[in-house]
Amino acid sequence: MNPLEEFYARKAEHIRALGKDRELLEKTHDWMIHTSRYFYTYNFTWLGVPVIQFPQDLLALQEIIWQVKPDLIIETGIAHGGSLIFSASMLELIGGDGEVLGIDIDIRAHNRKEIEKHKLARRISMIEGSSTAPDVAAQVLEKAKGKRQVMVVLDSNHTHEHVSRELELYSPLVTNGSYLVVFDTMIEDLPEDFSTGRSWGKGNNPKTAVWEFLKTSDRFIIDKDIENKLLITPAPDGYLRCVKD
């Protein structure tokens, strides 16, 4: 075994061990709940634009995008647009004609302005409307036609019904070897009162939608290695790798 192979073998062993350390996993869970009181994920920007994600997930997405080299990344949920800029910057580094398509039911004027004036805007297109609306889905399918590798990231409305419909509409677009990432599956693991006032909560969230989806689809498996090595992620069971055409 050469030194690089040895390095990766040790890394895989450490990742497996992390996933089995219940005490550490509980401490991580407590840390995430505690930091949420301070809106921790709002603290960061990507190339000058707010990106409402944990830094650990951005690193995981970077690894996935570099590995898959998608020519289309579909993202539901735009907010300030930092995630779109992040994906566009990765595609810029890869080279070629890769594009990012963002979908949001309400693209606020000040956010659209910041996205459209960014130097990476040429790689980004946006659709305003519900990601589950037939006319929006039709536009997305048209955009995906002829693409070699497609990746999908779901981060909009977090109800079971909405995410289930997104999975139904957009999972067929994900290509073999690529990823379907479902954020905020952690909602299922939060205290009962954590989602008070929201339309989602325990038993009604992205994780329950993912679990139901996987019962009917054999194209995807949960990539537990990503979750195990990150520890800090709002997407447990949410990194889905496509394993079939």
C-alpha atoms as a PDB file:
ATOM      1  CA  MET A   1       0.000   0.000   0.000  1.00  0.00           C
ATOM      2  CA  ASN A   2       1.461   3.362  -1.013  1.00  0.00           C
ATOM      3  CA  PRO A   3       1.399   6.343   1.384  1.00  0.00           C
ATOM      4  CA  LEU A   4      -1.678   7.927  -0.219  1.00  0.00           C
ATOM      5  CA  GLU A   5      -3.650   4.680  -0.117  1.00  0.00           C
ATOM      6  CA  GLU A   6      -2.610   4.272   3.508  1.00  0.00           C
ATOM      7  CA  PHE A   7      -3.808   7.803   4.301  1.00  0.00           C
ATOM      8  CA  TYR A   8      -7.253   7.176   2.782  1.00  0.00           C
ATOM      9  CA  ALA A   9      -7.547   3.815   4.531  1.00  0.00           C
ATOM     10  CA  ARG A  10      -6.853   5.439   7.909  1.00  0.00           C
ATOM     11  CA  LYS A  11      -9.321   8.197   7.104  1.00  0.00           C
ATOM     12  CA  ALA A  12     -12.071   5.682   6.325  1.00  0.00           C
ATOM     13  CA  GLU A  13     -11.357   3.877   9.592  1.00  0.00           C
ATOM     14  CA  HIS A  14     -11.583   7.113  11.582  1.00  0.00           C
ATOM     15  CA  ILE A  15     -14.863   8.090   9.883  1.00  0.00           C
ATOM     16  CA  ARG A  16     -16.413   4.731  10.757  1.00  0.00           C
ATOM     17  CA  ALA A  17     -15.271   5.153  14.360  1.00  0.00           C
ATOM     18  CA  LEU A  18     -16.748   8.652  14.568  1.00  0.00           C
ATOM     19  CA  GLY A  19     -20.120   7.307  13.497  1.00  0.00           C
ATOM     20  CA  LYS A  20     -20.068   4.788  16.347  1.00  0.00           C
ATOM     21  CA  ASP A  21     -19.104   7.223  19.122  1.00  0.00           C
ATOM     22  CA  ARG A  22     -22.500   7.774  20.759  1.00  0.00           C
ATOM     23  CA  GLU A  23     -21.140  10.138  23.409  1.00  0.00           C
ATOM     24  CA  LEU A  24     -19.560  12.390  20.791  1.00  0.00           C
ATOM     25  CA  LEU A  25     -22.702  12.290  18.629  1.00  0.00           C
ATOM     26  CA  GLU A  26     -24.818  13.370  21.606  1.00  0.00           C
ATOM     27  CA  LYS A  27     -22.421  16.214  22.411  1.00  0.00           C
ATOM     28  CA  THR A  28     -22.534  17.339  18.777  1.00  0.00           C
ATOM     29  CA  HIS A  29     -26.329  17.261  18.800  1.00  0.00           C
ATOM     30  CA  ASP A  30     -26.440  19.340  21.977  1.00  0.00           C
ATOM     31  CA  TRP A  31     -23.944  21.803  20.502  1.00  0.00           C
ATOM     32  CA  MET A  32     -26.067  22.295  17.397  1.00  0.00           C
ATOM     33  CA  ILE A  33     -29.215  22.917  19.420  1.00  0.00           C
ATOM     34  CA  HIS A  34     -27.395  25.377  21.679  1.00  0.00           C
ATOM     35  CA  THR A  35     -25.836  27.374  18.834  1.00  0.00           C
ATOM     36  CA  SER A  36     -29.183  27.596  17.027  1.00  0.00           C
ATOM     37  CA  ARG A  37     -30.321  30.038  19.713  1.00  0.00           C
ATOM     38  CA  TYR A  38     -27.811  32.477  18.258  1.00  0.00           C
ATOM     39  CA  PHE A  39     -28.709  31.818  14.584  1.00  0.00           C
ATOM     40  CA  TYR A  40     -25.244  30.369  14.074  1.00  0.00           C
ATOM     41  CA  THR A  41     -25.770  29.559  10.396  1.00  0.00           C
ATOM     42  CA  TYR A  42     -26.396  33.241   9.633  1.00  0.00           C
ATOM     43  CA  ASN A  43     -22.812  34.135  10.537  1.00  0.00           C
ATOM     44  CA  PHE A  44     -21.126  33.308   7.240  1.00  0.00           C
ATOM     45  CA  THR A  45     -20.765  34.593   3.691  1.00  0.00           C
ATOM     46  CA  TRP A  46     -19.451  33.057   0.490  1.00  0.00           C
ATOM     47  CA  LEU A  47     -17.625  35.462  -1.823  1.00  0.00           C
ATOM     48  CA  GLY A  48     -19.422  38.369  -0.165  1.00  0.00           C
ATOM     49  CA  VAL A  49     -22.960  36.924  -0.128  1.00  0.00           C
ATOM     50  CA  PRO A  50     -24.711  35.514   3.002  1.00  0.00           C
ATOM     51  CA  VAL A  51     -24.802  31.716   2.889  1.00  0.00           C
ATOM     52  CA  ILE A  52     -27.119  30.202   5.484  1.00  0.00           C
ATOM     53  CA  GLN A  53     -25.385  26.856   5.943  1.00  0.00           C
ATOM     54  CA  PHE A  54     -23.046  25.202   8.401  1.00  0.00           C
ATOM     55  CA  PRO A  55     -19.453  25.545   7.147  1.00  0.00           C
ATOM     56  CA  GLN A  56     -19.092  21.767   7.478  1.00  0.00           C
ATOM     57  CA  ASP A  57     -21.833  21.194   4.900  1.00  0.00           C
ATOM     58  CA  LEU A  58     -20.215  23.628   2.498  1.00  0.00           C
ATOM     59  CA  LEU A  59     -17.035  21.579   2.729  1.00  0.00           C
ATOM     60  CA  ALA A  60     -18.989  18.383   2.046  1.00  0.00           C
ATOM     61  CA  LEU A  61     -20.761  19.972  -0.929  1.00  0.00           C
ATOM     62  CA  GLN A  62     -17.376  21.105  -2.238  1.00  0.00           C
ATOM     63  CA  GLU A  63     -16.119  17.523  -2.134  1.00  0.00           C
ATOM     64  CA  ILE A  64     -19.236  16.238  -3.888  1.00  0.00           C
ATOM     65  CA  ILE A  65     -19.209  18.860  -6.630  1.00  0.00           C
ATOM     66  CA  TRP A  66     -15.489  18.350  -7.303  1.00  0.00           C
ATOM     67  CA  GLN A  67     -16.001  14.591  -7.474  1.00  0.00           C
ATOM     68  CA  VAL A  68     -19.187  14.563  -9.568  1.00  0.00           C
ATOM     69  CA  LYS A  69     -18.412  17.593 -11.765  1.00  0.00           C
ATOM     70  CA  PRO A  70     -22.086  18.234 -12.533  1.00  0.00           C
ATOM     71  CA  ASP A  71     -23.018  20.387 -15.477  1.00  0.00           C
ATOM     72  CA  LEU A  72     -26.261  21.351 -13.708  1.00  0.00           C
ATOM     73  CA  ILE A  73     -26.920  21.899  -9.997  1.00  0.00           C
ATOM     74  CA  ILE A  74     -30.589  22.432  -9.098  1.00  0.00           C
ATOM     75  CA  GLU A  75     -31.246  24.135  -5.761  1.00  0.00           C
ATOM     76  CA  THR A  76     -34.649  24.736  -4.178  1.00  0.00           C
ATOM     77  CA  GLY A  77     -34.567  27.616  -1.717  1.00  0.00           C
ATOM     78  CA  ILE A  78     -32.469  30.700  -2.513  1.00  0.00           C
ATOM     79  CA  ALA A  79     -32.679  33.108   0.467  1.00  0.00           C
ATOM     80  CA  HIS A  80     -29.797  35.578   0.055  1.00  0.00           C
ATOM     81  CA  GLY A  81     -28.220  33.522  -2.718  1.00  0.00           C
ATOM     82  CA  GLY A  82     -24.960  32.505  -1.057  1.00  0.00           C
ATOM     83  CA  SER A  83     -25.486  28.848  -1.845  1.00  0.00           C
ATOM     84  CA  LEU A  84     -25.991  29.644  -5.522  1.00  0.00           C
ATOM     85  CA  ILE A  85     -22.777  31.669  -5.514  1.00  0.00           C
ATOM     86  CA  PHE A  86     -20.986  28.817  -3.737  1.00  0.00           C
ATOM     87  CA  SER A  87     -22.101  26.256  -6.336  1.00  0.00           C
ATOM     88  CA  ALA A  88     -21.270  28.633  -9.174  1.00  0.00           C
ATOM     89  CA  SER A  89     -17.769  29.192  -7.772  1.00  0.00           C
ATOM     90  CA  MET A  90     -17.134  25.453  -7.677  1.00  0.00           C
ATOM     91  CA  LEU A  91     -18.305  25.085 -11.262  1.00  0.00           C
ATOM     92  CA  GLU A  92     -16.051  27.990 -12.232  1.00  0.00           C
ATOM     93  CA  LEU A  93     -13.066  26.175 -10.733  1.00  0.00           C
ATOM     94  CA  ILE A  94     -13.994  22.971 -12.556  1.00  0.00           C
ATOM     95  CA  GLY A  95     -14.317  24.820 -15.857  1.00  0.00           C
ATOM     96  CA  GLY A  96     -16.701  24.126 -18.711  1.00  0.00           C
ATOM     97  CA  ASP A  97     -20.280  25.326 -18.996  1.00  0.00           C
ATOM     98  CA  GLY A  98     -21.731  24.139 -15.673  1.00  0.00           C
ATOM     99  CA  GLU A  99     -24.805  26.011 -14.448  1.00  0.00           C
ATOM    100  CA  VAL A 100     -26.752  26.498 -11.234  1.00  0.00           C
ATOM    101  CA  LEU A 101     -30.540  26.780 -11.252  1.00  0.00           C
ATOM    102  CA  GLY A 102     -32.147  28.257  -8.143  1.00  0.00           C
ATOM    103  CA  ILE A 103     -35.862  28.063  -7.321  1.00  0.00           C
ATOM    104  CA  ASP A 104     -37.678  30.051  -4.649  1.00  0.00           C
ATOM    105  CA  ILE A 105     -41.288  31.005  -4.068  1.00  0.00           C
ATOM    106  CA  ASP A 106     -40.189  34.560  -3.194  1.00  0.00           C
ATOM    107  CA  ILE A 107     -36.954  35.973  -4.603  1.00  0.00           C
ATOM    108  CA  ARG A 108     -36.720  39.311  -2.841  1.00  0.00           C
ATOM    109  CA  ALA A 109     -35.625  42.230  -4.980  1.00  0.00           C
ATOM    110  CA  HIS A 110     -32.524  43.101  -2.928  1.00  0.00           C
ATOM    111  CA  ASN A 111     -31.351  39.475  -2.988  1.00  0.00           C
ATOM    112  CA  ARG A 112     -31.923  39.141  -6.728  1.00  0.00           C
ATOM    113  CA  LYS A 113     -29.965  42.342  -7.282  1.00  0.00           C
ATOM    114  CA  GLU A 114     -26.949  41.073  -5.326  1.00  0.00           C
ATOM    115  CA  ILE A 115     -26.981  37.740  -7.140  1.00  0.00           C
ATOM    116  CA  GLU A 116     -27.365  39.246 -10.600  1.00  0.00           C
ATOM    117  CA  LYS A 117     -24.528  41.736 -10.136  1.00  0.00           C
ATOM    118  CA  HIS A 118     -22.089  39.089  -8.862  1.00  0.00           C
ATOM    119  CA  LYS A 119     -19.180  38.210 -11.146  1.00  0.00           C
ATOM    120  CA  LEU A 120     -20.387  34.585 -11.232  1.00  0.00           C
ATOM    121  CA  ALA A 121     -23.950  35.497 -12.224  1.00  0.00           C
ATOM    122  CA  ARG A 122     -23.405  34.197 -15.755  1.00  0.00           C
ATOM    123  CA  ARG A 123     -23.513  30.662 -14.351  1.00  0.00           C
ATOM    124  CA  ILE A 124     -26.747  31.242 -12.414  1.00  0.00           C
ATOM    125  CA  SER A 125     -30.389  31.280 -13.443  1.00  0.00           C
ATOM    126  CA  MET A 126     -33.416  31.591 -11.170  1.00  0.00           C
ATOM    127  CA  ILE A 127     -37.095  30.697 -11.238  1.00  0.00           C
ATOM    128  CA  GLU A 128     -39.545  32.423  -8.913  1.00  0.00           C
ATOM    129  CA  GLY A 129     -42.364  30.135  -7.861  1.00  0.00           C
ATOM    130  CA  SER A 130     -43.068  27.047  -5.789  1.00  0.00           C
ATOM    131  CA  SER A 131     -40.678  24.204  -6.567  1.00  0.00           C
ATOM    132  CA  THR A 132     -43.670  21.848  -6.636  1.00  0.00           C
ATOM    133  CA  ALA A 133     -45.800  23.931  -9.036  1.00  0.00           C
ATOM    134  CA  PRO A 134     -46.328  22.169 -12.404  1.00  0.00           C
ATOM    135  CA  ASP A 135     -45.140  25.152 -14.459  1.00  0.00           C
ATOM    136  CA  VAL A 136     -41.963  25.497 -12.399  1.00  0.00           C
ATOM    137  CA  ALA A 137     -41.229  21.762 -12.569  1.00  0.00           C
ATOM    138  CA  ALA A 138     -41.713  21.879 -16.336  1.00  0.00           C
ATOM    139  CA  GLN A 139     -39.107  24.648 -16.626  1.00  0.00           C
ATOM    140  CA  VAL A 140     -36.652  22.685 -14.499  1.00  0.00           C
ATOM    141  CA  LEU A 141     -37.114  19.532 -16.566  1.00  0.00           C
ATOM    142  CA  GLU A 142     -36.519  21.516 -19.735  1.00  0.00           C
ATOM    143  CA  LYS A 143     -33.316  22.965 -18.258  1.00  0.00           C
ATOM    144  CA  ALA A 144     -32.079  19.480 -17.342  1.00  0.00           C
ATOM    145  CA  LYS A 145     -32.557  18.027 -20.824  1.00  0.00           C
ATOM    146  CA  GLY A 146     -29.322  16.773 -22.322  1.00  0.00           C
ATOM    147  CA  LYS A 147     -27.272  17.334 -19.182  1.00  0.00           C
ATOM    148  CA  ARG A 148     -24.568  14.764 -18.496  1.00  0.00           C
ATOM    149  CA  GLN A 149     -24.443  14.995 -14.698  1.00  0.00           C
ATOM    150  CA  VAL A 150     -27.162  16.587 -12.558  1.00  0.00           C
ATOM    151  CA  MET A 151     -27.080  17.255  -8.816  1.00  0.00           C
ATOM    152  CA  VAL A 152     -30.077  18.367  -6.721  1.00  0.00           C
ATOM    153  CA  VAL A 153     -30.135  20.204  -3.370  1.00  0.00           C
ATOM    154  CA  LEU A 154     -33.482  20.578  -1.560  1.00  0.00           C
ATOM    155  CA  ASP A 155     -33.711  23.364   1.020  1.00  0.00           C
ATOM    156  CA  SER A 156     -37.047  25.148   0.722  1.00  0.00           C
ATOM    157  CA  ASN A 157     -40.324  24.378   2.536  1.00  0.00           C
ATOM    158  CA  HIS A 158     -39.533  21.710   5.141  1.00  0.00           C
ATOM    159  CA  THR A 159     -42.895  19.949   5.459  1.00  0.00           C
ATOM    160  CA  HIS A 160     -43.142  16.230   4.728  1.00  0.00           C
ATOM    161  CA  GLU A 161     -45.666  16.823   1.944  1.00  0.00           C
ATOM    162  CA  HIS A 162     -43.598  19.474   0.192  1.00  0.00           C
ATOM    163  CA  VAL A 163     -40.290  17.600   0.355  1.00  0.00           C
ATOM    164  CA  SER A 164     -41.994  14.371  -0.740  1.00  0.00           C
ATOM    165  CA  ARG A 165     -43.300  16.146  -3.816  1.00  0.00           C
ATOM    166  CA  GLU A 166     -39.875  17.663  -4.532  1.00  0.00           C
ATOM    167  CA  LEU A 167     -38.326  14.208  -4.278  1.00  0.00           C
ATOM    168  CA  GLU A 168     -40.934  12.832  -6.662  1.00  0.00           C
ATOM    169  CA  LEU A 169     -40.340  15.621  -9.184  1.00  0.00           C
ATOM    170  CA  TYR A 170     -36.580  16.049  -9.064  1.00  0.00           C
ATOM    171  CA  SER A 171     -35.014  12.745  -7.991  1.00  0.00           C
ATOM    172  CA  PRO A 172     -35.397  11.332 -11.547  1.00  0.00           C
ATOM    173  CA  LEU A 173     -33.110  14.126 -12.774  1.00  0.00           C
ATOM    174  CA  VAL A 174     -30.196  13.068 -10.554  1.00  0.00           C
ATOM    175  CA  THR A 175     -27.696  11.035 -12.540  1.00  0.00           C
ATOM    176  CA  ASN A 176     -25.903   7.862 -11.486  1.00  0.00           C
ATOM    177  CA  GLY A 177     -22.945   8.728  -9.247  1.00  0.00           C
ATOM    178  CA  SER A 178     -24.322  12.155  -8.376  1.00  0.00           C
ATOM    179  CA  TYR A 179     -26.112  13.299  -5.226  1.00  0.00           C
ATOM    180  CA  LEU A 180     -29.515  14.390  -3.996  1.00  0.00           C
ATOM    181  CA  VAL A 181     -28.991  16.427  -0.826  1.00  0.00           C
ATOM    182  CA  VAL A 182     -31.945  17.078   1.486  1.00  0.00           C
ATOM    183  CA  PHE A 183     -31.297  19.701   4.148  1.00  0.00           C
ATOM    184  CA  ASP A 184     -32.936  20.186   7.562  1.00  0.00           C
ATOM    185  CA  THR A 185     -33.655  16.511   8.140  1.00  0.00           C
ATOM    186  CA  MET A 186     -32.449  17.300  11.671  1.00  0.00           C
ATOM    187  CA  ILE A 187     -35.925  18.677  12.451  1.00  0.00           C
ATOM    188  CA  GLU A 188     -37.010  15.123  13.263  1.00  0.00           C
ATOM    189  CA  ASP A 189     -34.346  14.935  15.990  1.00  0.00           C
ATOM    190  CA  LEU A 190     -35.131  18.264  17.685  1.00  0.00           C
ATOM    191  CA  PRO A 191     -37.183  18.724  20.882  1.00  0.00           C
ATOM    192  CA  GLU A 192     -40.966  18.787  20.427  1.00  0.00           C
ATOM    193  CA  ASP A 193     -41.256  22.530  21.074  1.00  0.00           C
ATOM    194  CA  PHE A 194     -38.381  23.510  18.772  1.00  0.00           C
ATOM    195  CA  SER A 195     -40.594  24.042  15.713  1.00  0.00           C
ATOM    196  CA  THR A 196     -43.465  25.811  17.493  1.00  0.00           C
ATOM    197  CA  GLY A 197     -45.244  28.116  15.066  1.00  0.00           C
ATOM    198  CA  ARG A 198     -43.846  26.321  12.030  1.00  0.00           C
ATOM    199  CA  SER A 199     -45.740  24.184   9.556  1.00  0.00           C
ATOM    200  CA  TRP A 200     -43.211  21.391  10.126  1.00  0.00           C
ATOM    201  CA  GLY A 201     -41.992  19.474  13.180  1.00  0.00           C
ATOM    202  CA  LYS A 202     -41.519  15.954  14.520  1.00  0.00           C
ATOM    203  CA  GLY A 203     -43.177  13.450  12.215  1.00  0.00           C
ATOM    204  CA  ASN A 204     -43.606  16.074   9.497  1.00  0.00           C
ATOM    205  CA  ASN A 205     -40.281  17.134   8.021  1.00  0.00           C
ATOM    206  CA  PRO A 206     -37.617  16.386   5.393  1.00  0.00           C
ATOM    207  CA  LYS A 207     -36.303  13.302   7.215  1.00  0.00           C
ATOM    208  CA  THR A 208     -39.697  11.622   7.320  1.00  0.00           C
ATOM    209  CA  ALA A 209     -40.042  12.421   3.614  1.00  0.00           C
ATOM    210  CA  VAL A 210     -36.612  10.896   2.884  1.00  0.00           C
ATOM    211  CA  TRP A 211     -37.419   7.734   4.836  1.00  0.00           C
ATOM    212  CA  GLU A 212     -40.679   7.302   2.957  1.00  0.00           C
ATOM    213  CA  PHE A 213     -39.000   8.025  -0.379  1.00  0.00           C
ATOM    214  CA  LEU A 214     -36.288   5.414   0.165  1.00  0.00           C
ATOM    215  CA  LYS A 215     -38.913   2.727   0.712  1.00  0.00           C
ATOM    216  CA  THR A 216     -40.056   3.182  -2.877  1.00  0.00           C
ATOM    217  CA  SER A 217     -36.782   3.997  -4.663  1.00  0.00           C
ATOM    218  CA  ASP A 218     -33.745   1.772  -5.086  1.00  0.00           C
ATOM    219  CA  ARG A 219     -31.783   4.423  -6.995  1.00  0.00           C
ATOM    220  CA  PHE A 220     -30.462   6.120  -3.855  1.00  0.00           C
ATOM    221  CA  ILE A 221     -28.632   5.159  -0.696  1.00  0.00           C
ATOM    222  CA  ILE A 222     -27.817   7.283   2.350  1.00  0.00           C
ATOM    223  CA  ASP A 223     -24.115   8.170   2.301  1.00  0.00           C
ATOM    224  CA  LYS A 224     -23.487   7.820   6.038  1.00  0.00           C
ATOM    225  CA  ASP A 225     -19.755   8.496   5.618  1.00  0.00           C
ATOM    226  CA  ILE A 226     -20.477  12.144   4.849  1.00  0.00           C
ATOM    227  CA  GLU A 227     -22.660  12.539   7.912  1.00  0.00           C
ATOM    228  CA  ASN A 228     -20.186  10.655  10.119  1.00  0.00           C
ATOM    229  CA  LYS A 229     -17.169  12.706   9.128  1.00  0.00           C
ATOM    230  CA  LEU A 230     -18.991  16.036   9.413  1.00  0.00           C
ATOM    231  CA  LEU A 231     -20.728  15.326  12.731  1.00  0.00           C
ATOM    232  CA  ILE A 232     -22.044  18.898  12.616  1.00  0.00           C
ATOM    233  CA  THR A 233     -24.737  18.904   9.922  1.00  0.00           C
ATOM    234  CA  PRO A 234     -28.458  19.675   9.748  1.00  0.00           C
ATOM    235  CA  ALA A 235     -28.804  16.905   7.144  1.00  0.00           C
ATOM    236  CA  PRO A 236     -28.556  13.501   8.906  1.00  0.00           C
ATOM    237  CA  ASP A 237     -29.806  10.861   6.442  1.00  0.00           C
ATOM    238  CA  GLY A 238     -29.979  13.685   3.903  1.00  0.00           C
ATOM    239  CA  TYR A 239     -26.922  12.999   1.742  1.00  0.00           C
ATOM    240  CA  LEU A 240     -28.321  10.590  -0.832  1.00  0.00           C
ATOM    241  CA  ARG A 241     -26.012   9.070  -3.455  1.00  0.00           C
ATOM    242  CA  CYS A 242     -27.535   7.903  -6.716  1.00  0.00           C
ATOM    243  CA  VAL A 243     -26.400   4.348  -7.475  1.00  0.00           C
ATOM    244  CA  LYS A 244     -28.513   3.495 -10.532  1.00  0.00           C
ATOM    245  CA  ASP A 245     -29.358   5.020 -13.895  1.00  0.00           C
END
